[in-house]
Amino acid sequence: MPQFYNYYIIYGDKFGFVDFESVERLIKNNLCEKIIIFLSTEPHKNVKAALKKYQSIEIKLCKNPKKEAKKFVKDFKYENKGKSIGVYPLEVIADRSMWLDIC
């Protein structure tokens, strides 16, 4: 799934260490310039401390992350013509598939 975009716009409710590791992989593999994450819940202080290592990750807190992310992208695309932007839910970026298996 990971491919190069200049910007990744990600939205979700909560952001933990599994999510952080997946986002960190995007940056370490040079698959983006910047990641903007829209969340409805503030990350734990340990996750926030880990995020400080990366200036290319930005967290935005809001009540409706999906709606705010899509609204943000409209203006962002206009300001950043010629740049590629990927918009994804956090569950797609962070490999949480093992948690969704009920067996």
Protein backbone atom coordinates (compact mmCIF):
# COMPACT_ATOMS: atom_id res chain seq x y z
CA MET A 1 0.00 0.00 0.00
CA PRO A 2 2.67 2.59 0.82
CA GLN A 3 3.60 4.77 -2.10
CA PHE A 4 5.24 8.15 -2.45
CA TYR A 5 3.13 11.23 -1.86
CA ASN A 6 4.50 14.65 -1.07
CA TYR A 7 1.91 14.88 1.69
CA TYR A 8 -0.06 12.27 3.59
CA ILE A 9 -3.27 13.51 5.18
CA ILE A 10 -4.44 10.93 7.73
CA TYR A 11 -7.54 10.98 9.93
CA GLY A 12 -8.69 8.86 12.85
CA ASP A 13 -9.86 8.82 16.44
CA LYS A 14 -6.86 7.65 18.47
CA PHE A 15 -3.15 7.51 17.75
CA GLY A 16 -0.97 5.00 19.60
CA PHE A 17 2.45 3.40 19.25
CA VAL A 18 1.35 0.94 16.54
CA ASP A 19 0.11 3.89 14.52
CA PHE A 20 3.30 5.82 15.26
CA GLU A 21 5.48 2.97 14.02
CA SER A 22 3.58 2.81 10.74
CA VAL A 23 3.81 6.57 10.20
CA GLU A 24 7.47 6.51 11.19
CA ARG A 25 8.08 3.84 8.53
CA LEU A 26 6.66 6.18 5.87
CA ILE A 27 9.15 8.86 6.83
CA LYS A 28 12.15 6.54 7.21
CA ASN A 29 11.47 4.99 3.78
CA ASN A 30 11.29 8.48 2.23
CA LEU A 31 7.71 7.99 1.07
CA CYS A 32 6.62 11.54 1.93
CA GLU A 33 7.73 15.04 2.80
CA LYS A 34 5.12 15.73 5.47
CA ILE A 35 2.34 13.93 7.32
CA ILE A 36 -0.65 15.76 8.79
CA ILE A 37 -2.80 13.70 11.15
CA PHE A 38 -6.32 14.73 12.20
CA LEU A 39 -7.41 13.15 15.51
CA SER A 40 -10.38 13.43 17.84
CA THR A 41 -8.36 12.32 20.90
CA GLU A 42 -5.02 13.68 21.98
CA PRO A 43 -2.22 11.09 21.86
CA HIS A 44 -0.70 9.74 25.08
CA LYS A 45 2.22 11.78 26.43
CA ASN A 46 4.71 9.01 25.53
CA VAL A 47 3.49 8.98 21.93
CA LYS A 48 3.70 12.78 21.82
CA ALA A 49 7.27 12.58 23.09
CA ALA A 50 8.14 10.09 20.32
CA LEU A 51 6.51 12.35 17.72
CA LYS A 52 8.81 15.24 18.66
CA LYS A 53 11.68 13.45 16.87
CA TYR A 54 9.95 14.16 13.56
CA GLN A 55 9.20 17.74 12.56
CA SER A 56 7.52 16.42 9.42
CA ILE A 57 4.61 14.99 11.44
CA GLU A 58 1.88 17.41 12.46
CA ILE A 59 -1.08 16.55 14.71
CA LYS A 60 -4.35 18.49 14.50
CA LEU A 61 -7.07 17.84 17.08
CA CYS A 62 -10.71 18.24 16.08
CA LYS A 63 -14.16 16.82 16.81
CA ASN A 64 -14.75 15.24 13.40
CA PRO A 65 -11.38 14.19 11.94
CA LYS A 66 -12.69 12.82 8.63
CA LYS A 67 -14.72 15.94 7.85
CA GLU A 68 -11.93 18.30 8.90
CA ALA A 69 -9.29 16.39 6.91
CA LYS A 70 -11.35 16.48 3.73
CA LYS A 71 -12.08 20.19 4.20
CA PHE A 72 -8.37 20.84 4.83
CA VAL A 73 -7.38 18.96 1.65
CA LYS A 74 -9.52 21.21 -0.56
CA ASP A 75 -7.61 24.34 0.49
CA PHE A 76 -4.29 22.50 0.75
CA LYS A 77 -4.51 21.21 -2.85
CA TYR A 78 -5.06 24.75 -4.09
CA GLU A 79 -2.03 26.05 -2.17
CA ASN A 80 0.22 23.14 -3.21
CA LYS A 81 -0.43 22.68 -6.91
CA GLY A 82 1.81 20.10 -8.51
CA LYS A 83 2.31 18.21 -5.25
CA SER A 84 0.80 14.77 -4.68
CA ILE A 85 -1.50 14.33 -1.69
CA GLY A 86 -2.73 11.04 -0.26
CA VAL A 87 -5.75 11.05 2.05
CA TYR A 88 -6.28 7.94 4.17
CA PRO A 89 -7.99 6.78 7.35
CA LEU A 90 -5.52 5.87 10.07
CA GLU A 91 -6.65 2.22 9.99
CA VAL A 92 -5.35 1.90 6.42
CA ILE A 93 -1.93 3.42 7.15
CA ALA A 94 -1.42 1.67 10.49
CA ASP A 95 -1.58 -2.07 10.05
CA ARG A 96 -4.34 -2.85 12.51
CA SER A 97 -5.67 -5.77 10.50
CA MET A 98 -4.56 -8.29 13.11
CA TRP A 99 -6.84 -6.59 15.64
CA LEU A 100 -9.89 -6.85 13.41
CA ASP A 101 -9.75 -10.69 13.19
CA ILE A 102 -12.35 -12.12 15.57
CA CYS A 103 -10.90 -15.63 15.56
